[in-house]
Amino acid sequence: MIVHIALAALLLMGQQPIEAVAAQLDLFNAKQHGLVGETPEGLIGVVDPPGDQDIQTLIQSVNKGRLESYREIAESRGLSLAEVQKLAGKNLIERTPSGQYVMTREGQWMKKADPGSP
């Protein structure tokens, strides 16, 4: 069900190559399995380096797409790329479900806890 929702959301965002859709679904699975997580810079990173070649390829593909989007946003809004990345990172980390990994500002990976847990 979640995969179908993710696919529908991707398709609603406009015409995307099938590779981009596949990368997003792979990203969903990689996050679910704790292989990758969100960073404060709005990018994804490998939780347990170095990660296999498929994970590295996924990270490069997703981050390339994100950086292209961030550059377009920065240019259209008169912001620096760093500002857009910081805002995106904050938003992506806030939206990350509990149980998935996020990177702290100090560069440490942590599994996001349930909002109600101590």
Protein backbone atom coordinates (compact mmCIF):
# COMPACT_ATOMS: atom_id res chain seq x y z
CA MET A 1 0.00 0.00 0.00
CA ILE A 2 2.76 2.48 0.94
CA VAL A 3 4.63 1.66 -2.26
CA HIS A 4 1.49 2.45 -4.27
CA ILE A 5 1.10 5.76 -2.47
CA ALA A 6 4.76 6.60 -3.11
CA LEU A 7 4.39 5.72 -6.79
CA ALA A 8 1.21 7.80 -7.10
CA ALA A 9 2.91 10.78 -5.44
CA LEU A 10 5.85 10.50 -7.82
CA LEU A 11 3.61 10.31 -10.85
CA LEU A 12 1.60 13.34 -9.70
CA MET A 13 4.82 15.35 -9.60
CA GLY A 14 4.94 15.24 -13.39
CA GLN A 15 6.47 13.21 -16.15
CA GLN A 16 9.41 11.38 -14.70
CA PRO A 17 11.60 8.79 -16.34
CA ILE A 18 10.96 5.28 -15.12
CA GLU A 19 14.49 5.27 -13.70
CA ALA A 20 13.56 8.12 -11.33
CA VAL A 21 10.45 6.28 -10.18
CA ALA A 22 12.44 3.08 -9.67
CA ALA A 23 15.12 4.97 -7.74
CA GLN A 24 12.51 6.42 -5.39
CA LEU A 25 10.98 3.01 -4.73
CA ASP A 26 14.46 1.59 -4.12
CA LEU A 27 15.12 4.52 -1.77
CA PHE A 28 11.98 3.64 0.17
CA ASN A 29 13.17 0.04 0.58
CA ALA A 30 16.73 1.08 1.46
CA LYS A 31 15.40 3.41 4.16
CA GLN A 32 13.06 0.73 5.51
CA HIS A 33 16.01 -1.66 5.86
CA GLY A 34 18.24 0.92 7.58
CA LEU A 35 20.77 1.04 4.74
CA VAL A 36 20.47 4.78 4.05
CA GLY A 37 19.16 7.80 5.89
CA GLU A 38 18.49 11.51 5.57
CA THR A 39 21.19 14.09 6.26
CA PRO A 40 20.89 17.72 7.43
CA GLU A 41 22.04 18.78 3.93
CA GLY A 42 18.91 17.35 2.31
CA LEU A 43 20.79 14.40 0.84
CA ILE A 44 20.85 10.72 1.63
CA GLY A 45 23.85 8.87 2.97
CA VAL A 46 24.88 5.32 3.71
CA VAL A 47 24.32 4.41 7.35
CA ASP A 48 27.00 1.70 7.56
CA PRO A 49 29.84 2.62 5.17
CA PRO A 50 30.96 1.74 2.65
CA GLY A 51 27.71 0.11 1.46
CA ASP A 52 27.55 -2.12 -1.59
CA GLN A 53 27.72 -0.82 -5.16
CA ASP A 54 23.92 -0.87 -5.60
CA ILE A 55 23.49 1.33 -2.53
CA GLN A 56 26.24 3.70 -3.70
CA THR A 57 24.59 3.94 -7.13
CA LEU A 58 21.22 4.66 -5.52
CA ILE A 59 22.72 7.37 -3.30
CA GLN A 60 24.46 9.03 -6.25
CA SER A 61 21.31 8.94 -8.37
CA VAL A 62 18.98 10.30 -5.69
CA ASN A 63 21.43 12.98 -4.53
CA LYS A 64 22.08 14.11 -8.10
CA GLY A 65 18.35 14.60 -8.65
CA ARG A 66 17.90 16.37 -5.34
CA LEU A 67 20.81 18.73 -5.98
CA GLU A 68 19.41 19.62 -9.39
CA SER A 69 16.07 20.45 -7.78
CA TYR A 70 17.72 22.41 -4.98
CA ARG A 71 19.73 24.46 -7.51
CA GLU A 72 16.56 25.32 -9.44
CA ILE A 73 14.77 26.35 -6.24
CA ALA A 74 17.74 28.41 -5.06
CA GLU A 75 17.98 30.20 -8.39
CA SER A 76 14.26 30.91 -8.64
CA ARG A 77 14.00 32.21 -5.07
CA GLY A 78 17.28 34.09 -4.82
CA LEU A 79 18.69 31.81 -2.12
CA SER A 80 22.01 30.06 -1.85
CA LEU A 81 22.21 26.35 -2.52
CA ALA A 82 23.33 25.83 1.10
CA GLU A 83 20.19 27.61 2.40
CA VAL A 84 17.90 25.44 0.27
CA GLN A 85 19.73 22.28 1.31
CA LYS A 86 19.45 23.20 5.00
CA LEU A 87 15.70 23.84 4.69
CA ALA A 88 15.18 20.64 2.70
CA GLY A 89 17.25 18.62 5.18
CA LYS A 90 15.23 19.92 8.13
CA ASN A 91 11.96 19.12 6.35
CA LEU A 92 13.06 15.65 5.22
CA ILE A 93 14.35 14.74 8.69
CA GLU A 94 11.13 15.95 10.32
CA ARG A 95 9.08 13.83 7.88
CA THR A 96 11.23 10.72 8.32
CA PRO A 97 9.16 8.01 10.01
CA SER A 98 10.27 6.60 13.33
CA GLY A 99 12.54 3.61 12.98
CA GLN A 100 14.44 5.07 10.04
CA TYR A 101 17.87 6.68 10.23
CA VAL A 102 18.67 10.38 10.25
CA MET A 103 22.01 12.09 10.65
CA THR A 104 22.50 14.58 13.45
CA ARG A 105 24.21 17.94 12.88
CA GLU A 106 27.25 16.34 14.54
CA GLY A 107 27.39 13.72 11.78
CA GLN A 108 26.16 10.74 13.82
CA TRP A 109 23.48 8.36 12.55
CA MET A 110 20.55 7.76 14.88
CA LYS A 111 17.37 5.80 14.50
CA LYS A 112 14.46 8.20 14.75
CA ALA A 113 12.36 7.44 17.81
CA ASP A 114 8.60 7.53 18.17
CA PRO A 115 7.45 11.04 19.12
CA GLY A 116 5.96 9.78 22.39
CA SER A 117 8.92 7.68 23.52
CA PRO A 118 11.28 8.90 26.24
